[in-house]
Amino acid sequence: IPNEEGTVKFLKQLHNMEKELKNRHVQSAHQLPSEIMVRTSLFNWGIVNK
C-alpha cells in the first residue's frame, strides 16, 4: 500500500514538473519528444519506488 503522504508529495512534484515542461515547450517546441520521455521515465520511477 503506497504511503499517502509520499504519494501526494510525488503528485505535487509531477504537477510542478508538468508546468515547467509546458513553459519550456513554449520556448522550444522541438525538445518536446525527449521531455515526454523524461516525464514518463520519472513517472514510472515514482510508481515503482513508492
Protein backbone atom coordinates (compact mmCIF):
# COMPACT_ATOMS: atom_id res chain seq x y z
CA ILE A 1 0.00 0.00 0.00
CA PRO A 2 1.55 3.34 -1.03
CA ASN A 3 2.33 5.91 1.62
CA GLU A 4 -0.41 8.54 1.18
CA GLU A 5 1.78 11.48 2.18
CA GLY A 6 4.52 10.33 -0.16
CA THR A 7 2.03 9.88 -2.99
CA VAL A 8 0.63 13.39 -2.54
CA LYS A 9 4.16 14.81 -2.45
CA PHE A 10 5.04 12.91 -5.63
CA LEU A 11 1.91 14.11 -7.43
CA LYS A 12 2.69 17.72 -6.47
CA GLN A 13 6.23 17.32 -7.82
CA LEU A 14 4.85 15.81 -11.02
CA HIS A 15 2.40 18.70 -11.37
CA ASN A 16 5.18 21.25 -10.92
CA MET A 17 7.31 19.38 -13.44
CA GLU A 18 4.44 19.43 -15.95
CA LYS A 19 4.08 23.20 -15.54
CA GLU A 20 7.81 23.62 -16.08
CA LEU A 21 7.73 21.38 -19.16
CA LYS A 22 4.86 23.41 -20.61
CA ASN A 23 6.81 26.62 -20.03
CA ARG A 24 9.86 25.13 -21.73
CA HIS A 25 7.68 23.73 -24.51
CA VAL A 26 6.52 27.27 -25.31
CA GLN A 27 10.16 28.36 -25.52
CA SER A 28 11.43 25.43 -27.60
CA ALA A 29 8.86 23.12 -29.17
CA HIS A 30 11.47 20.87 -30.82
CA GLN A 31 12.53 19.50 -27.41
CA LEU A 32 9.10 18.07 -26.61
CA PRO A 33 9.68 14.38 -27.55
CA SER A 34 12.69 13.99 -25.26
CA GLU A 35 10.88 15.82 -22.45
CA ILE A 36 7.93 13.45 -22.74
CA MET A 37 10.38 10.55 -22.41
CA VAL A 38 11.89 12.12 -19.29
CA ARG A 39 8.47 12.78 -17.79
CA THR A 40 7.31 9.23 -18.50
CA SER A 41 10.51 7.78 -17.02
CA LEU A 42 10.18 9.86 -13.86
CA PHE A 43 6.51 8.95 -13.54
CA ASN A 44 7.27 5.24 -13.91
CA TRP A 45 10.14 5.55 -11.43
CA GLY A 46 7.77 7.17 -8.94
CA ILE A 47 5.27 4.32 -9.28
CA VAL A 48 7.97 1.66 -8.87
CA ASN A 49 9.59 3.35 -5.87
CA LYS A 50 6.51 4.27 -3.81
